Amino acid sequence: MGQSVGGAGNISMDFPALVSGMYDVRPIERARWNVLDLLNWISRKAVTAQMFCEIDTSQAEALLSTLSENGEKITITALLLKAISIAQLDCPESRSYRLPWGLKVVRSQPVAGFTVERLVDGRPAVFFASIANAHTKSLEEIAREISAYGRNDIDSVTQLAKEHLLSKVPWLLRQFYIAIGLNVPALRHVINPATFGLTSLGKFGMGAPCAPNVTTTIFGIGSMEPKVVARDNKVEVRNMMEVALSADLRILGFYKAAYLLQDIKTLVESGLAAHLTDDERDIVARAQAKLAVPVLSSSEERFAKNGRRRATDAA
């Protein structure tokens, strides 16, 4: 059935033969359905703005090193999840989401969300893990929960098992369920329980990613790199971490998003000094006594300054 056109090379017009082997069509892996549904139903409706800041992790790293010597290894992710949860307590808009007809839902407590990659049927799949009430937990407790999401059998972790089960629901039925569930608070908590999300590419040496908004606030974390900074009129080299905040402006305005990011920066740079558990304080105190130098600095004065400035702005 093919035809040829005269001229240089006598080009063949047999189109089936021409494109044969150039591509193939495959179904999208079911393990990715949960991610795609949240992107299609939530992220594409968001009106997103990005903000960036660099955080000095010196105090945070000192704290994590001290605590890790006395138990399970604690990563910067655990500290970030707690810091963001604490900051969300003072910013109810950041833990809210929009409903139709001019309504919004304000969640009473923060729920930390982060992405986890696991193998399902031999193929990588992304899950949305969540940790409730991270602001009340020790960093070691948070680290254990993070570890469980990465190591334990999928069916033994409630959130992973739920998402794995949902991925097996027929596509059309899933769309019907999600369309209703996202607008019913009790059902939405099942589909997407997190009040914020965190994703990190730091281990790949990448900068902070601008992640899509599957919640009102999403934080992208870049790698920690030594940089030259000015501290107390001195030039020093500090480990700095880039953080990107993607905020849905339909719920969270520019100024409140900036205050939220600033509070997180203050919390991390203080090493959560005012928010450690009693056991953590004891561990830090013993380390300070051995070294005869402070492991942490207080964040209370910095928060007081933020509070006074906000009161002035409001007036």
C-alpha atoms as a PDB file:
ATOM      1  CA  MET A   1       0.000   0.000   0.000  1.00  0.00           C
ATOM      2  CA  GLY A   2       3.018   2.257   0.359  1.00  0.00           C
ATOM      3  CA  GLN A   3       3.876   4.869  -2.249  1.00  0.00           C
ATOM      4  CA  SER A   4       7.165   6.485  -3.146  1.00  0.00           C
ATOM      5  CA  VAL A   5       7.909  10.052  -4.092  1.00  0.00           C
ATOM      6  CA  GLY A   6      10.579  10.605  -6.708  1.00  0.00           C
ATOM      7  CA  GLY A   7      13.601  12.688  -5.894  1.00  0.00           C
ATOM      8  CA  ALA A   8      16.565  12.476  -3.575  1.00  0.00           C
ATOM      9  CA  GLY A   9      16.544   9.201  -1.713  1.00  0.00           C
ATOM     10  CA  ASN A  10      13.196   8.096  -3.183  1.00  0.00           C
ATOM     11  CA  ILE A  11      11.462   8.765   0.177  1.00  0.00           C
ATOM     12  CA  SER A  12       8.973   6.082   1.229  1.00  0.00           C
ATOM     13  CA  MET A  13       5.401   7.116   2.102  1.00  0.00           C
ATOM     14  CA  ASP A  14       4.523   3.824   3.812  1.00  0.00           C
ATOM     15  CA  PHE A  15       3.511   5.499   7.102  1.00  0.00           C
ATOM     16  CA  PRO A  16       2.862   2.345   9.191  1.00  0.00           C
ATOM     17  CA  ALA A  17       6.335   1.108   8.319  1.00  0.00           C
ATOM     18  CA  LEU A  18       7.810   4.576   8.858  1.00  0.00           C
ATOM     19  CA  VAL A  19       6.617   4.907  12.482  1.00  0.00           C
ATOM     20  CA  SER A  20       6.901   1.240  13.387  1.00  0.00           C
ATOM     21  CA  GLY A  21       9.081   0.805  16.455  1.00  0.00           C
ATOM     22  CA  MET A  22       9.275   4.557  17.211  1.00  0.00           C
ATOM     23  CA  TYR A  23       6.915   4.390  20.210  1.00  0.00           C
ATOM     24  CA  ASP A  24       4.473   2.193  22.065  1.00  0.00           C
ATOM     25  CA  VAL A  25       1.405   2.986  24.186  1.00  0.00           C
ATOM     26  CA  ARG A  26       1.236   1.637  27.726  1.00  0.00           C
ATOM     27  CA  PRO A  27      -1.190   2.062  30.631  1.00  0.00           C
ATOM     28  CA  ILE A  28      -0.085   4.302  33.506  1.00  0.00           C
ATOM     29  CA  GLU A  29       0.959   2.177  36.467  1.00  0.00           C
ATOM     30  CA  ARG A  30      -1.788   1.910  39.069  1.00  0.00           C
ATOM     31  CA  ALA A  31       0.774   2.736  41.735  1.00  0.00           C
ATOM     32  CA  ARG A  32       0.852   6.310  40.350  1.00  0.00           C
ATOM     33  CA  TRP A  33      -2.906   6.820  40.299  1.00  0.00           C
ATOM     34  CA  ASN A  34      -3.077   8.347  43.779  1.00  0.00           C
ATOM     35  CA  VAL A  35      -0.482  10.984  42.899  1.00  0.00           C
ATOM     36  CA  LEU A  36      -2.110  11.802  39.566  1.00  0.00           C
ATOM     37  CA  ASP A  37      -5.565  12.138  41.110  1.00  0.00           C
ATOM     38  CA  LEU A  38      -4.380  14.658  43.716  1.00  0.00           C
ATOM     39  CA  LEU A  39      -2.562  16.617  41.024  1.00  0.00           C
ATOM     40  CA  ASN A  40      -5.590  16.611  38.726  1.00  0.00           C
ATOM     41  CA  TRP A  41      -8.232  17.368  41.339  1.00  0.00           C
ATOM     42  CA  ILE A  42      -6.412  19.695  43.760  1.00  0.00           C
ATOM     43  CA  SER A  43      -3.188  21.085  42.342  1.00  0.00           C
ATOM     44  CA  ARG A  44      -4.529  22.259  38.994  1.00  0.00           C
ATOM     45  CA  LYS A  45      -7.119  24.469  40.738  1.00  0.00           C
ATOM     46  CA  ALA A  46      -4.601  26.175  43.042  1.00  0.00           C
ATOM     47  CA  VAL A  47      -3.432  29.737  42.462  1.00  0.00           C
ATOM     48  CA  THR A  48       0.171  29.284  43.504  1.00  0.00           C
ATOM     49  CA  ALA A  49       2.886  31.684  44.610  1.00  0.00           C
ATOM     50  CA  GLN A  50       6.419  30.661  45.539  1.00  0.00           C
ATOM     51  CA  MET A  51       8.660  32.088  48.248  1.00  0.00           C
ATOM     52  CA  PHE A  52      12.250  31.169  48.989  1.00  0.00           C
ATOM     53  CA  CYS A  53      14.574  31.525  51.944  1.00  0.00           C
ATOM     54  CA  GLU A  54      17.869  30.118  53.175  1.00  0.00           C
ATOM     55  CA  ILE A  55      18.075  28.620  56.660  1.00  0.00           C
ATOM     56  CA  ASP A  56      21.215  28.311  58.768  1.00  0.00           C
ATOM     57  CA  THR A  57      21.175  24.699  59.980  1.00  0.00           C
ATOM     58  CA  SER A  58      24.086  24.946  62.435  1.00  0.00           C
ATOM     59  CA  GLN A  59      21.956  24.760  65.584  1.00  0.00           C
ATOM     60  CA  ALA A  60      19.675  22.129  64.082  1.00  0.00           C
ATOM     61  CA  GLU A  61      22.609  19.900  63.120  1.00  0.00           C
ATOM     62  CA  ALA A  62      24.113  20.265  66.600  1.00  0.00           C
ATOM     63  CA  LEU A  63      20.816  19.205  68.153  1.00  0.00           C
ATOM     64  CA  LEU A  64      20.353  16.242  65.802  1.00  0.00           C
ATOM     65  CA  SER A  65      23.903  15.057  66.389  1.00  0.00           C
ATOM     66  CA  THR A  66      23.422  15.211  70.164  1.00  0.00           C
ATOM     67  CA  LEU A  67      20.088  13.378  70.124  1.00  0.00           C
ATOM     68  CA  SER A  68      21.225  10.746  67.607  1.00  0.00           C
ATOM     69  CA  GLU A  69      24.055   9.706  69.937  1.00  0.00           C
ATOM     70  CA  ASN A  70      21.440   8.582  72.455  1.00  0.00           C
ATOM     71  CA  GLY A  71      19.093   6.606  70.211  1.00  0.00           C
ATOM     72  CA  GLU A  72      17.773   6.311  66.651  1.00  0.00           C
ATOM     73  CA  LYS A  73      19.355   8.479  63.969  1.00  0.00           C
ATOM     74  CA  ILE A  74      17.320  11.655  63.508  1.00  0.00           C
ATOM     75  CA  THR A  75      17.408  13.490  60.184  1.00  0.00           C
ATOM     76  CA  ILE A  76      16.694  17.113  59.315  1.00  0.00           C
ATOM     77  CA  THR A  77      13.359  15.952  57.846  1.00  0.00           C
ATOM     78  CA  ALA A  78      12.037  15.052  61.303  1.00  0.00           C
ATOM     79  CA  LEU A  79      13.016  18.463  62.649  1.00  0.00           C
ATOM     80  CA  LEU A  80      11.430  20.237  59.673  1.00  0.00           C
ATOM     81  CA  LEU A  81       8.147  18.347  60.057  1.00  0.00           C
ATOM     82  CA  LYS A  82       7.962  19.393  63.706  1.00  0.00           C
ATOM     83  CA  ALA A  83       8.978  22.995  63.000  1.00  0.00           C
ATOM     84  CA  ILE A  84       6.361  23.416  60.274  1.00  0.00           C
ATOM     85  CA  SER A  85       3.669  21.827  62.474  1.00  0.00           C
ATOM     86  CA  ILE A  86       4.490  24.256  65.292  1.00  0.00           C
ATOM     87  CA  ALA A  87       4.383  27.215  62.901  1.00  0.00           C
ATOM     88  CA  GLN A  88       1.017  26.085  61.536  1.00  0.00           C
ATOM     89  CA  LEU A  89      -0.537  26.374  64.992  1.00  0.00           C
ATOM     90  CA  ASP A  90      -0.245  30.165  64.736  1.00  0.00           C
ATOM     91  CA  CYS A  91      -1.374  30.271  61.101  1.00  0.00           C
ATOM     92  CA  PRO A  92      -4.798  28.618  60.754  1.00  0.00           C
ATOM     93  CA  GLU A  93      -5.051  29.611  57.082  1.00  0.00           C
ATOM     94  CA  SER A  94      -2.076  27.372  56.314  1.00  0.00           C
ATOM     95  CA  ARG A  95      -4.000  24.340  57.605  1.00  0.00           C
ATOM     96  CA  SER A  96      -7.190  25.242  55.757  1.00  0.00           C
ATOM     97  CA  TYR A  97      -8.571  24.301  52.369  1.00  0.00           C
ATOM     98  CA  ARG A  98     -11.251  25.658  50.110  1.00  0.00           C
ATOM     99  CA  LEU A  99     -14.726  24.268  49.535  1.00  0.00           C
ATOM    100  CA  PRO A 100     -17.226  25.322  46.862  1.00  0.00           C
ATOM    101  CA  TRP A 101     -19.740  28.127  47.464  1.00  0.00           C
ATOM    102  CA  GLY A 102     -17.302  30.435  49.252  1.00  0.00           C
ATOM    103  CA  LEU A 103     -16.576  28.104  52.195  1.00  0.00           C
ATOM    104  CA  LYS A 104     -13.341  26.851  53.705  1.00  0.00           C
ATOM    105  CA  VAL A 105     -12.412  24.169  56.230  1.00  0.00           C
ATOM    106  CA  VAL A 106      -9.919  24.942  59.001  1.00  0.00           C
ATOM    107  CA  ARG A 107      -8.256  21.833  60.385  1.00  0.00           C
ATOM    108  CA  SER A 108      -7.907  21.881  64.169  1.00  0.00           C
ATOM    109  CA  GLN A 109      -4.456  20.289  64.303  1.00  0.00           C
ATOM    110  CA  PRO A 110      -1.507  20.141  61.886  1.00  0.00           C
ATOM    111  CA  VAL A 111      -0.865  16.909  60.007  1.00  0.00           C
ATOM    112  CA  ALA A 112       2.562  16.609  58.413  1.00  0.00           C
ATOM    113  CA  GLY A 113       2.696  15.162  54.921  1.00  0.00           C
ATOM    114  CA  PHE A 114       5.694  13.973  52.922  1.00  0.00           C
ATOM    115  CA  THR A 115       6.384  11.797  49.916  1.00  0.00           C
ATOM    116  CA  VAL A 116       7.758   8.270  50.166  1.00  0.00           C
ATOM    117  CA  GLU A 117       8.932   6.140  47.259  1.00  0.00           C
ATOM    118  CA  ARG A 118       8.398   2.396  47.569  1.00  0.00           C
ATOM    119  CA  LEU A 119       8.544  -0.532  45.175  1.00  0.00           C
ATOM    120  CA  VAL A 120       5.179  -2.012  44.190  1.00  0.00           C
ATOM    121  CA  ASP A 121       5.274  -5.083  41.956  1.00  0.00           C
ATOM    122  CA  GLY A 122       8.907  -4.283  41.209  1.00  0.00           C
ATOM    123  CA  ARG A 123       8.195  -0.715  40.093  1.00  0.00           C
ATOM    124  CA  PRO A 124       8.750   2.551  42.018  1.00  0.00           C
ATOM    125  CA  ALA A 125       5.588   4.146  43.388  1.00  0.00           C
ATOM    126  CA  VAL A 126       5.123   7.432  45.265  1.00  0.00           C
ATOM    127  CA  PHE A 127       2.986   7.443  48.403  1.00  0.00           C
ATOM    128  CA  PHE A 128       1.796  10.377  50.513  1.00  0.00           C
ATOM    129  CA  ALA A 129       2.818   9.612  54.079  1.00  0.00           C
ATOM    130  CA  SER A 130       1.399  11.564  57.023  1.00  0.00           C
ATOM    131  CA  ILE A 131       2.224  12.129  60.692  1.00  0.00           C
ATOM    132  CA  ALA A 132      -0.433  13.654  62.932  1.00  0.00           C
ATOM    133  CA  ASN A 133       0.385  16.032  65.788  1.00  0.00           C
ATOM    134  CA  ALA A 134       4.107  16.186  65.046  1.00  0.00           C
ATOM    135  CA  HIS A 135       4.276  19.357  67.161  1.00  0.00           C
ATOM    136  CA  THR A 136       3.581  17.305  70.312  1.00  0.00           C
ATOM    137  CA  LYS A 137       6.035  14.483  69.588  1.00  0.00           C
ATOM    138  CA  SER A 138       9.706  14.056  70.250  1.00  0.00           C
ATOM    139  CA  LEU A 139      12.059  14.124  67.294  1.00  0.00           C
ATOM    140  CA  GLU A 140      12.891  10.470  67.932  1.00  0.00           C
ATOM    141  CA  GLU A 141       9.189   9.521  67.707  1.00  0.00           C
ATOM    142  CA  ILE A 142       8.878  11.399  64.413  1.00  0.00           C
ATOM    143  CA  ALA A 143      12.049   9.745  63.103  1.00  0.00           C
ATOM    144  CA  ARG A 144      10.649   6.299  63.941  1.00  0.00           C
ATOM    145  CA  GLU A 145       7.425   7.036  62.057  1.00  0.00           C
ATOM    146  CA  ILE A 146       9.367   8.285  59.038  1.00  0.00           C
ATOM    147  CA  SER A 147      11.488   5.131  59.146  1.00  0.00           C
ATOM    148  CA  ALA A 148       8.398   2.923  59.316  1.00  0.00           C
ATOM    149  CA  TYR A 149       7.052   4.452  56.104  1.00  0.00           C
ATOM    150  CA  GLY A 150      10.299   3.668  54.326  1.00  0.00           C
ATOM    151  CA  ARG A 151      11.066   0.205  55.705  1.00  0.00           C
ATOM    152  CA  ASN A 152       7.984  -1.612  56.986  1.00  0.00           C
ATOM    153  CA  ASP A 153       5.778  -3.763  54.809  1.00  0.00           C
ATOM    154  CA  ILE A 154       3.268  -1.610  52.929  1.00  0.00           C
ATOM    155  CA  ASP A 155       0.257  -3.504  54.284  1.00  0.00           C
ATOM    156  CA  SER A 156       1.466  -3.002  57.873  1.00  0.00           C
ATOM    157  CA  VAL A 157       1.460   0.821  57.651  1.00  0.00           C
ATOM    158  CA  THR A 158      -2.095   2.164  57.749  1.00  0.00           C
ATOM    159  CA  GLN A 159      -1.635   5.136  55.408  1.00  0.00           C
ATOM    160  CA  LEU A 160       0.343   3.139  52.838  1.00  0.00           C
ATOM    161  CA  ALA A 161      -2.092   0.233  52.954  1.00  0.00           C
ATOM    162  CA  LYS A 162      -5.022   2.611  52.416  1.00  0.00           C
ATOM    163  CA  GLU A 163      -3.400   4.260  49.385  1.00  0.00           C
ATOM    164  CA  HIS A 164      -2.368   0.883  47.966  1.00  0.00           C
ATOM    165  CA  LEU A 165      -5.969  -0.310  48.287  1.00  0.00           C
ATOM    166  CA  LEU A 166      -7.334   2.848  46.640  1.00  0.00           C
ATOM    167  CA  SER A 167      -4.996   2.358  43.694  1.00  0.00           C
ATOM    168  CA  LYS A 168      -6.806  -0.904  42.907  1.00  0.00           C
ATOM    169  CA  VAL A 169     -10.231   0.749  42.600  1.00  0.00           C
ATOM    170  CA  PRO A 170     -11.394   1.029  38.948  1.00  0.00           C
ATOM    171  CA  TRP A 171     -10.525   4.408  37.430  1.00  0.00           C
ATOM    172  CA  LEU A 172     -14.073   5.657  36.776  1.00  0.00           C
ATOM    173  CA  LEU A 173     -15.244   4.722  40.264  1.00  0.00           C
ATOM    174  CA  ARG A 174     -12.186   6.454  41.750  1.00  0.00           C
ATOM    175  CA  GLN A 175     -13.016   9.713  39.942  1.00  0.00           C
ATOM    176  CA  PHE A 176     -16.587   9.623  41.238  1.00  0.00           C
ATOM    177  CA  TYR A 177     -15.433   8.949  44.803  1.00  0.00           C
ATOM    178  CA  ILE A 178     -12.742  11.646  44.742  1.00  0.00           C
ATOM    179  CA  ALA A 179     -15.040  14.256  43.198  1.00  0.00           C
ATOM    180  CA  ILE A 180     -17.417  13.838  46.129  1.00  0.00           C
ATOM    181  CA  GLY A 181     -14.836  13.129  48.814  1.00  0.00           C
ATOM    182  CA  LEU A 182     -12.764  16.261  48.290  1.00  0.00           C
ATOM    183  CA  ASN A 183     -15.804  18.399  49.066  1.00  0.00           C
ATOM    184  CA  VAL A 184     -16.881  16.452  52.174  1.00  0.00           C
ATOM    185  CA  PRO A 185     -14.455  17.169  55.049  1.00  0.00           C
ATOM    186  CA  ALA A 186     -14.812  13.753  56.702  1.00  0.00           C
ATOM    187  CA  LEU A 187     -14.054  11.965  53.419  1.00  0.00           C
ATOM    188  CA  ARG A 188     -11.313  14.371  52.378  1.00  0.00           C
ATOM    189  CA  HIS A 189      -9.434  13.492  55.554  1.00  0.00           C
ATOM    190  CA  VAL A 190      -9.283   9.917  54.253  1.00  0.00           C
ATOM    191  CA  ILE A 191      -8.152  10.902  50.749  1.00  0.00           C
ATOM    192  CA  ASN A 192      -5.648  13.584  51.757  1.00  0.00           C
ATOM    193  CA  PRO A 193      -5.137  13.952  55.544  1.00  0.00           C
ATOM    194  CA  ALA A 194      -2.124  16.305  55.442  1.00  0.00           C
ATOM    195  CA  THR A 195      -2.341  20.030  56.223  1.00  0.00           C
ATOM    196  CA  PHE A 196       1.035  20.613  54.575  1.00  0.00           C
ATOM    197  CA  GLY A 197       3.417  18.702  52.378  1.00  0.00           C
ATOM    198  CA  LEU A 198       7.182  18.398  52.279  1.00  0.00           C
ATOM    199  CA  THR A 199       9.329  17.068  49.491  1.00  0.00           C
ATOM    200  CA  SER A 200      13.109  17.011  49.359  1.00  0.00           C
ATOM    201  CA  LEU A 201      15.667  16.569  46.608  1.00  0.00           C
ATOM    202  CA  GLY A 202      18.572  17.423  48.855  1.00  0.00           C
ATOM    203  CA  LYS A 203      20.100  13.949  48.685  1.00  0.00           C
ATOM    204  CA  PHE A 204      20.537  14.480  44.938  1.00  0.00           C
ATOM    205  CA  GLY A 205      22.336  17.781  45.470  1.00  0.00           C
ATOM    206  CA  MET A 206      19.434  19.728  43.985  1.00  0.00           C
ATOM    207  CA  GLY A 207      18.067  23.119  44.984  1.00  0.00           C
ATOM    208  CA  ALA A 208      14.645  23.536  46.585  1.00  0.00           C
ATOM    209  CA  PRO A 209      11.873  22.299  44.237  1.00  0.00           C
ATOM    210  CA  CYS A 210       8.666  24.268  43.674  1.00  0.00           C
ATOM    211  CA  ALA A 211       6.228  21.448  44.329  1.00  0.00           C
ATOM    212  CA  PRO A 212       2.593  21.474  43.138  1.00  0.00           C
ATOM    213  CA  ASN A 213      -0.028  22.328  45.759  1.00  0.00           C
ATOM    214  CA  VAL A 214      -1.867  19.188  46.793  1.00  0.00           C
ATOM    215  CA  THR A 215      -2.335  21.041  50.103  1.00  0.00           C
ATOM    216  CA  THR A 216      -2.541  24.786  50.763  1.00  0.00           C
ATOM    217  CA  THR A 217       1.154  24.852  51.664  1.00  0.00           C
ATOM    218  CA  ILE A 218       3.907  22.700  50.171  1.00  0.00           C
ATOM    219  CA  PHE A 219       7.559  22.969  51.159  1.00  0.00           C
ATOM    220  CA  GLY A 220      10.422  22.037  48.855  1.00  0.00           C
ATOM    221  CA  ILE A 221      13.766  21.338  50.544  1.00  0.00           C
ATOM    222  CA  GLY A 222      17.111  21.662  48.808  1.00  0.00           C
ATOM    223  CA  SER A 223      20.520  20.379  49.771  1.00  0.00           C
ATOM    224  CA  MET A 224      22.573  21.790  52.658  1.00  0.00           C
ATOM    225  CA  GLU A 225      25.660  23.580  51.385  1.00  0.00           C
ATOM    226  CA  PRO A 226      28.443  25.519  53.122  1.00  0.00           C
ATOM    227  CA  LYS A 227      28.173  29.223  52.306  1.00  0.00           C
ATOM    228  CA  VAL A 228      29.872  32.403  53.396  1.00  0.00           C
ATOM    229  CA  VAL A 229      27.534  34.488  55.599  1.00  0.00           C
ATOM    230  CA  ALA A 230      27.791  37.515  57.890  1.00  0.00           C
ATOM    231  CA  ARG A 231      27.133  36.838  61.599  1.00  0.00           C
ATOM    232  CA  ASP A 232      27.643  39.472  64.309  1.00  0.00           C
ATOM    233  CA  ASN A 233      29.799  41.591  62.021  1.00  0.00           C
ATOM    234  CA  LYS A 234      31.954  38.572  61.209  1.00  0.00           C
ATOM    235  CA  VAL A 235      32.317  36.557  58.031  1.00  0.00           C
ATOM    236  CA  GLU A 236      31.719  32.861  58.680  1.00  0.00           C
ATOM    237  CA  VAL A 237      31.068  29.668  56.746  1.00  0.00           C
ATOM    238  CA  ARG A 238      27.749  28.038  57.692  1.00  0.00           C
ATOM    239  CA  ASN A 239      25.699  25.165  56.324  1.00  0.00           C
ATOM    240  CA  MET A 240      22.711  26.749  54.594  1.00  0.00           C
ATOM    241  CA  MET A 241      19.570  24.980  53.388  1.00  0.00           C
ATOM    242  CA  GLU A 242      17.278  26.427  50.743  1.00  0.00           C
ATOM    243  CA  VAL A 243      13.544  26.140  51.381  1.00  0.00           C
ATOM    244  CA  ALA A 244      10.786  26.928  48.879  1.00  0.00           C
ATOM    245  CA  LEU A 245       7.196  27.521  49.973  1.00  0.00           C
ATOM    246  CA  SER A 246       4.401  27.029  47.443  1.00  0.00           C
ATOM    247  CA  ALA A 247       1.250  28.651  48.813  1.00  0.00           C
ATOM    248  CA  ASP A 248      -2.287  28.564  47.430  1.00  0.00           C
ATOM    249  CA  LEU A 249      -3.252  32.240  47.369  1.00  0.00           C
ATOM    250  CA  ARG A 250      -6.956  31.411  47.377  1.00  0.00           C
ATOM    251  CA  ILE A 251      -6.537  30.594  51.078  1.00  0.00           C
ATOM    252  CA  LEU A 252      -3.162  31.929  52.252  1.00  0.00           C
ATOM    253  CA  GLY A 253      -2.147  35.496  51.386  1.00  0.00           C
ATOM    254  CA  PHE A 254       1.356  36.746  50.665  1.00  0.00           C
ATOM    255  CA  TYR A 255       1.983  38.344  54.055  1.00  0.00           C
ATOM    256  CA  LYS A 256       0.769  35.417  56.128  1.00  0.00           C
ATOM    257  CA  ALA A 257       2.745  33.026  53.933  1.00  0.00           C
ATOM    258  CA  ALA A 258       5.853  35.149  54.535  1.00  0.00           C
ATOM    259  CA  TYR A 259       5.266  35.162  58.315  1.00  0.00           C
ATOM    260  CA  LEU A 260       4.799  31.383  58.240  1.00  0.00           C
ATOM    261  CA  LEU A 261       8.086  30.858  56.397  1.00  0.00           C
ATOM    262  CA  GLN A 262       9.857  33.275  58.734  1.00  0.00           C
ATOM    263  CA  ASP A 263       8.585  31.398  61.809  1.00  0.00           C
ATOM    264  CA  ILE A 264       9.843  28.111  60.369  1.00  0.00           C
ATOM    265  CA  LYS A 265      13.230  29.681  59.694  1.00  0.00           C
ATOM    266  CA  THR A 266      13.390  30.957  63.297  1.00  0.00           C
ATOM    267  CA  LEU A 267      12.419  27.571  64.722  1.00  0.00           C
ATOM    268  CA  VAL A 268      14.994  25.641  62.699  1.00  0.00           C
ATOM    269  CA  GLU A 269      17.791  28.147  63.309  1.00  0.00           C
ATOM    270  CA  SER A 270      17.145  27.990  67.067  1.00  0.00           C
ATOM    271  CA  GLY A 271      17.237  24.172  67.040  1.00  0.00           C
ATOM    272  CA  LEU A 272      13.643  24.088  68.354  1.00  0.00           C
ATOM    273  CA  ALA A 273      15.069  25.376  71.648  1.00  0.00           C
ATOM    274  CA  ALA A 274      11.710  26.298  73.155  1.00  0.00           C
ATOM    275  CA  HIS A 275       9.886  23.196  71.886  1.00  0.00           C
ATOM    276  CA  LEU A 276      11.892  20.188  73.021  1.00  0.00           C
ATOM    277  CA  THR A 277      10.455  17.478  75.236  1.00  0.00           C
ATOM    278  CA  ASP A 278      11.712  17.090  78.812  1.00  0.00           C
ATOM    279  CA  ASP A 279      13.780  14.056  77.833  1.00  0.00           C
ATOM    280  CA  GLU A 280      15.347  15.953  74.939  1.00  0.00           C
ATOM    281  CA  ARG A 281      16.172  18.870  77.219  1.00  0.00           C
ATOM    282  CA  ASP A 282      17.884  16.490  79.647  1.00  0.00           C
ATOM    283  CA  ILE A 283      19.989  15.007  76.846  1.00  0.00           C
ATOM    284  CA  VAL A 284      20.977  18.479  75.633  1.00  0.00           C
ATOM    285  CA  ALA A 285      21.769  19.640  79.187  1.00  0.00           C
ATOM    286  CA  ARG A 286      24.076  16.678  79.730  1.00  0.00           C
ATOM    287  CA  ALA A 287      25.817  17.382  76.417  1.00  0.00           C
ATOM    288  CA  GLN A 288      26.240  21.037  77.369  1.00  0.00           C
ATOM    289  CA  ALA A 289      27.710  20.077  80.727  1.00  0.00           C
ATOM    290  CA  LYS A 290      30.271  17.821  79.036  1.00  0.00           C
ATOM    291  CA  LEU A 291      31.284  20.365  76.440  1.00  0.00           C
ATOM    292  CA  ALA A 292      30.915  23.418  78.671  1.00  0.00           C
ATOM    293  CA  VAL A 293      29.497  25.270  75.646  1.00  0.00           C
ATOM    294  CA  PRO A 294      25.855  25.836  74.605  1.00  0.00           C
ATOM    295  CA  VAL A 295      24.470  23.313  72.132  1.00  0.00           C
ATOM    296  CA  LEU A 296      21.341  25.379  71.489  1.00  0.00           C
ATOM    297  CA  SER A 297      20.260  28.997  71.574  1.00  0.00           C
ATOM    298  CA  SER A 298      16.859  30.251  72.742  1.00  0.00           C
ATOM    299  CA  SER A 299      14.212  31.263  70.205  1.00  0.00           C
ATOM    300  CA  GLU A 300      11.862  32.981  72.638  1.00  0.00           C
ATOM    301  CA  GLU A 301      13.193  36.526  72.061  1.00  0.00           C
ATOM    302  CA  ARG A 302      13.045  36.097  68.291  1.00  0.00           C
ATOM    303  CA  PHE A 303       9.432  35.012  68.479  1.00  0.00           C
ATOM    304  CA  ALA A 304       8.654  37.947  70.795  1.00  0.00           C
ATOM    305  CA  LYS A 305      10.081  40.307  68.177  1.00  0.00           C
ATOM    306  CA  ASN A 306       7.978  38.657  65.482  1.00  0.00           C
ATOM    307  CA  GLY A 307       4.888  39.052  67.654  1.00  0.00           C
ATOM    308  CA  ARG A 308       5.536  42.741  68.292  1.00  0.00           C
ATOM    309  CA  ARG A 309       6.121  43.356  64.587  1.00  0.00           C
ATOM    310  CA  ARG A 310       2.898  41.581  63.630  1.00  0.00           C
ATOM    311  CA  ALA A 311       0.935  43.602  66.149  1.00  0.00           C
ATOM    312  CA  THR A 312       2.381  46.780  64.591  1.00  0.00           C
ATOM    313  CA  ASP A 313       1.541  45.569  61.067  1.00  0.00           C
ATOM    314  CA  ALA A 314      -2.009  44.726  62.102  1.00  0.00           C
ATOM    315  CA  ALA A 315      -2.473  48.183  63.619  1.00  0.00           C
END
